[in-house]
Amino acid sequence: MTSTATLRERQCTPQQDALSDAQVTALLPLLDGWQRDHQSITRTFSFPDYVATLAFVNAIAPMIHEQDHHPELTVTYNRCVVRYNTHSVNDGKGGLSDNDFICAARIDAIYQQAA
């Protein structure tokens, strides 16, 4: 059975097949505060000010680069919205893959360490 800790330990790999709805439904509760938004998962992280928001972005950047799985980031004064999906699955139509959940779990861990 997959756990949050198991997700954090895994490495992203090239993905061709999207997760099924049942797989997404099973994985989503492992992530604190993440929501499904069609073919993406998103979470809004809140901070006291812009400097703290940018510090978070800089803290997650090395992991994102290392895993070579880049989210869409929306950065405002005291929030950062992280949106993950995998463009390469479903014959290039996109969807959710294991990589999205691996990186989301890793981002959660980084956020918890900073809090």
N, C-alpha and C. Protein backbone atom coordinates (compact mmCIF):
# COMPACT_ATOMS: atom_id res chain seq x y z
N MET A 1 0.84 -1.19 0.00
CA MET A 1 0.00 0.00 0.00
C MET A 1 0.88 1.25 0.00
N THR A 2 0.48 2.22 -0.75
CA THR A 2 1.23 3.46 -0.84
C THR A 2 0.90 4.37 0.34
N SER A 3 1.93 5.02 0.85
CA SER A 3 1.76 5.98 1.93
C SER A 3 2.43 7.28 1.51
N THR A 4 2.22 8.32 2.29
CA THR A 4 2.87 9.59 2.00
C THR A 4 4.39 9.43 2.04
N ALA A 5 4.88 8.69 3.03
CA ALA A 5 6.33 8.47 3.14
C ALA A 5 6.86 7.72 1.93
N THR A 6 6.12 6.75 1.46
CA THR A 6 6.53 5.99 0.27
C THR A 6 6.60 6.90 -0.95
N LEU A 7 5.60 7.78 -1.09
CA LEU A 7 5.62 8.72 -2.22
C LEU A 7 6.88 9.58 -2.17
N ARG A 8 7.21 10.10 -0.98
CA ARG A 8 8.38 10.99 -0.84
C ARG A 8 9.68 10.29 -1.17
N GLU A 9 9.74 8.99 -0.96
CA GLU A 9 10.97 8.23 -1.20
C GLU A 9 11.17 7.88 -2.68
N ARG A 10 10.11 7.91 -3.45
CA ARG A 10 10.20 7.51 -4.85
C ARG A 10 10.78 8.62 -5.71
N GLN A 11 11.29 8.24 -6.86
CA GLN A 11 11.85 9.17 -7.84
C GLN A 11 10.90 9.24 -9.04
N CYS A 12 10.81 10.39 -9.64
CA CYS A 12 10.02 10.53 -10.86
C CYS A 12 10.70 9.79 -12.01
N THR A 13 9.88 9.20 -12.84
CA THR A 13 10.35 8.49 -14.02
C THR A 13 9.48 8.88 -15.20
N PRO A 14 9.96 8.72 -16.42
CA PRO A 14 9.12 9.04 -17.58
C PRO A 14 7.81 8.26 -17.53
N GLN A 15 6.72 8.94 -17.79
CA GLN A 15 5.39 8.33 -17.71
C GLN A 15 4.69 8.43 -19.06
N GLN A 16 4.02 7.35 -19.45
CA GLN A 16 3.23 7.36 -20.68
C GLN A 16 1.74 7.21 -20.39
N ASP A 17 1.42 6.51 -19.31
CA ASP A 17 0.03 6.23 -18.98
C ASP A 17 -0.43 7.07 -17.81
N ALA A 18 -1.61 7.64 -17.95
CA ALA A 18 -2.20 8.41 -16.86
C ALA A 18 -2.75 7.45 -15.81
N LEU A 19 -2.87 7.95 -14.60
CA LEU A 19 -3.52 7.19 -13.54
C LEU A 19 -5.02 7.12 -13.81
N SER A 20 -5.63 6.04 -13.37
CA SER A 20 -7.08 5.91 -13.49
C SER A 20 -7.75 6.78 -12.43
N ASP A 21 -9.03 7.03 -12.59
CA ASP A 21 -9.77 7.79 -11.59
C ASP A 21 -9.69 7.11 -10.23
N ALA A 22 -9.75 5.80 -10.20
CA ALA A 22 -9.66 5.06 -8.93
C ALA A 22 -8.30 5.26 -8.28
N GLN A 23 -7.24 5.25 -9.07
CA GLN A 23 -5.90 5.47 -8.53
C GLN A 23 -5.75 6.89 -7.98
N VAL A 24 -6.26 7.86 -8.69
CA VAL A 24 -6.20 9.25 -8.22
C VAL A 24 -6.99 9.39 -6.93
N THR A 25 -8.17 8.80 -6.89
CA THR A 25 -9.02 8.86 -5.69
C THR A 25 -8.32 8.22 -4.50
N ALA A 26 -7.54 7.18 -4.72
CA ALA A 26 -6.82 6.51 -3.63
C ALA A 26 -5.62 7.33 -3.17
N LEU A 27 -4.95 8.02 -4.08
CA LEU A 27 -3.73 8.76 -3.73
C LEU A 27 -4.01 10.13 -3.13
N LEU A 28 -5.05 10.79 -3.57
CA LEU A 28 -5.31 12.17 -3.15
C LEU A 28 -5.40 12.35 -1.64
N PRO A 29 -6.04 11.46 -0.88
CA PRO A 29 -6.09 11.65 0.58
C PRO A 29 -4.73 11.59 1.27
N LEU A 30 -3.70 11.09 0.58
CA LEU A 30 -2.36 11.05 1.17
C LEU A 30 -1.71 12.43 1.19
N LEU A 31 -2.25 13.36 0.42
CA LEU A 31 -1.68 14.69 0.29
C LEU A 31 -2.51 15.70 1.07
N ASP A 32 -1.85 16.42 1.96
CA ASP A 32 -2.52 17.40 2.80
C ASP A 32 -2.86 18.66 2.02
N GLY A 33 -4.16 18.94 1.87
CA GLY A 33 -4.58 20.19 1.27
C GLY A 33 -4.61 20.22 -0.25
N TRP A 34 -4.26 19.16 -0.91
CA TRP A 34 -4.27 19.12 -2.37
C TRP A 34 -5.67 18.76 -2.85
N GLN A 35 -6.06 19.35 -3.97
CA GLN A 35 -7.37 19.09 -4.55
C GLN A 35 -7.21 18.73 -6.02
N ARG A 36 -8.12 17.90 -6.48
CA ARG A 36 -8.13 17.58 -7.91
C ARG A 36 -8.86 18.69 -8.64
N ASP A 37 -8.28 19.13 -9.72
CA ASP A 37 -8.88 20.15 -10.58
C ASP A 37 -8.80 19.61 -12.00
N HIS A 38 -9.80 18.86 -12.41
CA HIS A 38 -9.84 18.19 -13.71
C HIS A 38 -8.64 17.25 -13.84
N GLN A 39 -7.71 17.57 -14.72
CA GLN A 39 -6.56 16.70 -14.94
C GLN A 39 -5.32 17.21 -14.23
N SER A 40 -5.50 17.92 -13.14
CA SER A 40 -4.40 18.46 -12.34
C SER A 40 -4.70 18.27 -10.87
N ILE A 41 -3.65 18.41 -10.06
CA ILE A 41 -3.83 18.55 -8.61
C ILE A 41 -3.22 19.88 -8.22
N THR A 42 -3.87 20.57 -7.28
CA THR A 42 -3.41 21.89 -6.87
C THR A 42 -3.46 22.04 -5.36
N ARG A 43 -2.60 22.91 -4.88
CA ARG A 43 -2.63 23.31 -3.48
C ARG A 43 -2.17 24.75 -3.39
N THR A 44 -2.82 25.51 -2.51
CA THR A 44 -2.42 26.88 -2.24
C THR A 44 -1.69 26.91 -0.91
N PHE A 45 -0.47 27.40 -0.93
CA PHE A 45 0.34 27.55 0.27
C PHE A 45 0.31 29.03 0.66
N SER A 46 0.07 29.31 1.95
CA SER A 46 -0.02 30.68 2.44
C SER A 46 1.18 31.04 3.30
N PHE A 47 1.56 32.33 3.23
CA PHE A 47 2.74 32.83 3.92
C PHE A 47 2.46 34.21 4.51
N PRO A 48 3.29 34.66 5.43
CA PRO A 48 3.05 35.97 6.04
C PRO A 48 3.35 37.15 5.12
N ASP A 49 4.26 36.96 4.15
CA ASP A 49 4.63 38.08 3.28
C ASP A 49 5.32 37.55 2.02
N TYR A 50 5.69 38.47 1.17
CA TYR A 50 6.28 38.13 -0.12
C TYR A 50 7.64 37.44 0.02
N VAL A 51 8.43 37.90 0.96
CA VAL A 51 9.76 37.29 1.17
C VAL A 51 9.61 35.81 1.54
N ALA A 52 8.67 35.50 2.42
CA ALA A 52 8.45 34.10 2.82
C ALA A 52 7.91 33.29 1.64
N THR A 53 7.07 33.89 0.83
CA THR A 53 6.54 33.20 -0.35
C THR A 53 7.67 32.85 -1.30
N LEU A 54 8.55 33.81 -1.56
CA LEU A 54 9.68 33.54 -2.46
C LEU A 54 10.67 32.55 -1.86
N ALA A 55 10.83 32.57 -0.54
CA ALA A 55 11.71 31.60 0.11
C ALA A 55 11.19 30.18 -0.11
N PHE A 56 9.87 30.02 -0.06
CA PHE A 56 9.27 28.71 -0.34
C PHE A 56 9.54 28.28 -1.78
N VAL A 57 9.34 29.17 -2.71
CA VAL A 57 9.59 28.86 -4.12
C VAL A 57 11.05 28.44 -4.30
N ASN A 58 11.96 29.18 -3.68
CA ASN A 58 13.38 28.83 -3.77
C ASN A 58 13.71 27.52 -3.07
N ALA A 59 12.96 27.18 -2.03
CA ALA A 59 13.19 25.92 -1.31
C ALA A 59 12.73 24.71 -2.13
N ILE A 60 11.66 24.85 -2.90
CA ILE A 60 11.17 23.71 -3.67
C ILE A 60 11.86 23.58 -5.03
N ALA A 61 12.49 24.64 -5.50
CA ALA A 61 13.11 24.63 -6.83
C ALA A 61 14.15 23.52 -7.02
N PRO A 62 15.06 23.26 -6.07
CA PRO A 62 16.03 22.19 -6.30
C PRO A 62 15.38 20.80 -6.46
N MET A 63 14.35 20.52 -5.67
CA MET A 63 13.66 19.23 -5.79
C MET A 63 12.98 19.13 -7.15
N ILE A 64 12.32 20.20 -7.56
CA ILE A 64 11.63 20.22 -8.85
C ILE A 64 12.64 19.95 -9.97
N HIS A 65 13.77 20.62 -9.91
CA HIS A 65 14.81 20.43 -10.93
C HIS A 65 15.36 19.01 -10.89
N GLU A 66 15.64 18.51 -9.70
CA GLU A 66 16.19 17.15 -9.55
C GLU A 66 15.23 16.10 -10.10
N GLN A 67 13.94 16.26 -9.84
CA GLN A 67 12.95 15.29 -10.31
C GLN A 67 12.57 15.51 -11.77
N ASP A 68 12.96 16.65 -12.33
CA ASP A 68 12.65 17.00 -13.72
C ASP A 68 11.15 16.89 -13.98
N HIS A 69 10.37 17.39 -13.00
CA HIS A 69 8.91 17.39 -13.13
C HIS A 69 8.44 18.74 -12.59
N HIS A 70 8.14 19.63 -13.50
CA HIS A 70 7.95 21.04 -13.17
C HIS A 70 6.47 21.41 -13.08
N PRO A 71 6.07 22.00 -11.96
CA PRO A 71 4.68 22.42 -11.81
C PRO A 71 4.46 23.81 -12.40
N GLU A 72 3.21 24.17 -12.49
CA GLU A 72 2.84 25.56 -12.76
C GLU A 72 2.77 26.24 -11.40
N LEU A 73 3.49 27.33 -11.24
CA LEU A 73 3.49 28.08 -9.99
C LEU A 73 2.86 29.45 -10.23
N THR A 74 1.93 29.82 -9.36
CA THR A 74 1.36 31.16 -9.37
C THR A 74 1.76 31.81 -8.05
N VAL A 75 2.59 32.84 -8.14
CA VAL A 75 3.16 33.47 -6.95
C VAL A 75 2.54 34.85 -6.78
N THR A 76 1.98 35.09 -5.60
CA THR A 76 1.44 36.41 -5.26
C THR A 76 2.11 36.85 -3.96
N TYR A 77 1.64 37.95 -3.40
CA TYR A 77 2.27 38.52 -2.21
C TYR A 77 2.45 37.50 -1.08
N ASN A 78 1.39 36.78 -0.73
CA ASN A 78 1.49 35.87 0.42
C ASN A 78 0.95 34.47 0.10
N ARG A 79 0.97 34.10 -1.17
CA ARG A 79 0.50 32.77 -1.56
C ARG A 79 1.31 32.24 -2.74
N CYS A 80 1.37 30.92 -2.79
CA CYS A 80 1.92 30.24 -3.96
C CYS A 80 0.98 29.08 -4.27
N VAL A 81 0.40 29.11 -5.45
CA VAL A 81 -0.45 28.02 -5.91
C VAL A 81 0.43 27.10 -6.75
N VAL A 82 0.44 25.81 -6.38
CA VAL A 82 1.22 24.81 -7.10
C VAL A 82 0.23 23.91 -7.84
N ARG A 83 0.40 23.78 -9.13
CA ARG A 83 -0.46 22.93 -9.96
C ARG A 83 0.40 21.90 -10.69
N TYR A 84 0.07 20.65 -10.48
CA TYR A 84 0.80 19.57 -11.14
C TYR A 84 -0.10 18.79 -12.08
N ASN A 85 0.45 18.45 -13.23
CA ASN A 85 -0.11 17.45 -14.14
C ASN A 85 1.04 16.95 -15.00
N THR A 86 0.78 15.93 -15.78
CA THR A 86 1.82 15.34 -16.61
C THR A 86 1.39 15.46 -18.07
N HIS A 87 2.09 16.29 -18.81
CA HIS A 87 1.71 16.57 -20.20
C HIS A 87 1.94 15.38 -21.13
N SER A 88 2.86 14.49 -20.78
CA SER A 88 3.24 13.41 -21.69
C SER A 88 2.29 12.21 -21.69
N VAL A 89 1.40 12.10 -20.69
CA VAL A 89 0.52 10.93 -20.63
C VAL A 89 -0.67 11.09 -21.57
N ASN A 90 -1.36 9.97 -21.78
CA ASN A 90 -2.55 9.97 -22.66
C ASN A 90 -2.19 10.43 -24.07
N ASP A 91 -1.09 9.89 -24.59
CA ASP A 91 -0.65 10.26 -25.95
C ASP A 91 -0.50 11.76 -26.13
N GLY A 92 0.02 12.42 -25.09
CA GLY A 92 0.27 13.85 -25.16
C GLY A 92 -0.92 14.72 -24.81
N LYS A 93 -2.05 14.11 -24.44
CA LYS A 93 -3.24 14.89 -24.06
C LYS A 93 -3.17 15.35 -22.62
N GLY A 94 -2.29 14.74 -21.83
CA GLY A 94 -2.10 15.12 -20.44
C GLY A 94 -3.03 14.39 -19.49
N GLY A 95 -2.70 14.52 -18.22
CA GLY A 95 -3.46 13.88 -17.15
C GLY A 95 -2.60 13.81 -15.91
N LEU A 96 -2.99 12.98 -15.00
CA LEU A 96 -2.24 12.81 -13.75
C LEU A 96 -1.43 11.52 -13.79
N SER A 97 -0.21 11.60 -13.26
CA SER A 97 0.66 10.43 -13.18
C SER A 97 1.21 10.30 -11.77
N ASP A 98 1.90 9.21 -11.52
CA ASP A 98 2.57 9.03 -10.23
C ASP A 98 3.50 10.20 -9.92
N ASN A 99 4.15 10.75 -10.94
CA ASN A 99 5.10 11.84 -10.74
C ASN A 99 4.46 13.04 -10.06
N ASP A 100 3.21 13.33 -10.40
CA ASP A 100 2.51 14.46 -9.78
C ASP A 100 2.37 14.26 -8.28
N PHE A 101 2.04 13.06 -7.88
CA PHE A 101 1.84 12.76 -6.47
C PHE A 101 3.17 12.66 -5.71
N ILE A 102 4.19 12.15 -6.37
CA ILE A 102 5.53 12.10 -5.77
C ILE A 102 6.01 13.52 -5.45
N CYS A 103 5.92 14.41 -6.42
CA CYS A 103 6.40 15.79 -6.21
C CYS A 103 5.52 16.55 -5.22
N ALA A 104 4.22 16.32 -5.26
CA ALA A 104 3.33 16.99 -4.30
C ALA A 104 3.69 16.57 -2.88
N ALA A 105 3.93 15.29 -2.65
CA ALA A 105 4.31 14.81 -1.32
C ALA A 105 5.64 15.41 -0.88
N ARG A 106 6.57 15.54 -1.81
CA ARG A 106 7.87 16.14 -1.49
C ARG A 106 7.72 17.63 -1.16
N ILE A 107 6.87 18.33 -1.89
CA ILE A 107 6.63 19.75 -1.62
C ILE A 107 5.99 19.92 -0.24
N ASP A 108 5.06 19.05 0.10
CA ASP A 108 4.44 19.10 1.43
C ASP A 108 5.50 18.97 2.53
N ALA A 109 6.45 18.06 2.34
CA ALA A 109 7.50 17.85 3.33
C ALA A 109 8.38 19.10 3.46
N ILE A 110 8.69 19.73 2.36
CA ILE A 110 9.50 20.95 2.37
C ILE A 110 8.74 22.06 3.11
N TYR A 111 7.46 22.18 2.81
CA TYR A 111 6.63 23.19 3.48
C TYR A 111 6.56 22.95 4.99
N GLN A 112 6.40 21.70 5.39
CA GLN A 112 6.33 21.38 6.83
C GLN A 112 7.64 21.69 7.54
N GLN A 113 8.76 21.46 6.88
CA GLN A 113 10.06 21.77 7.48
C GLN A 113 10.26 23.27 7.66
N ALA A 114 9.70 24.05 6.74
CA ALA A 114 9.85 25.50 6.80
C ALA A 114 8.93 26.14 7.81
N ALA A 115 7.84 25.47 8.15
CA ALA A 115 6.83 26.04 9.05
C ALA A 115 7.30 26.06 10.49
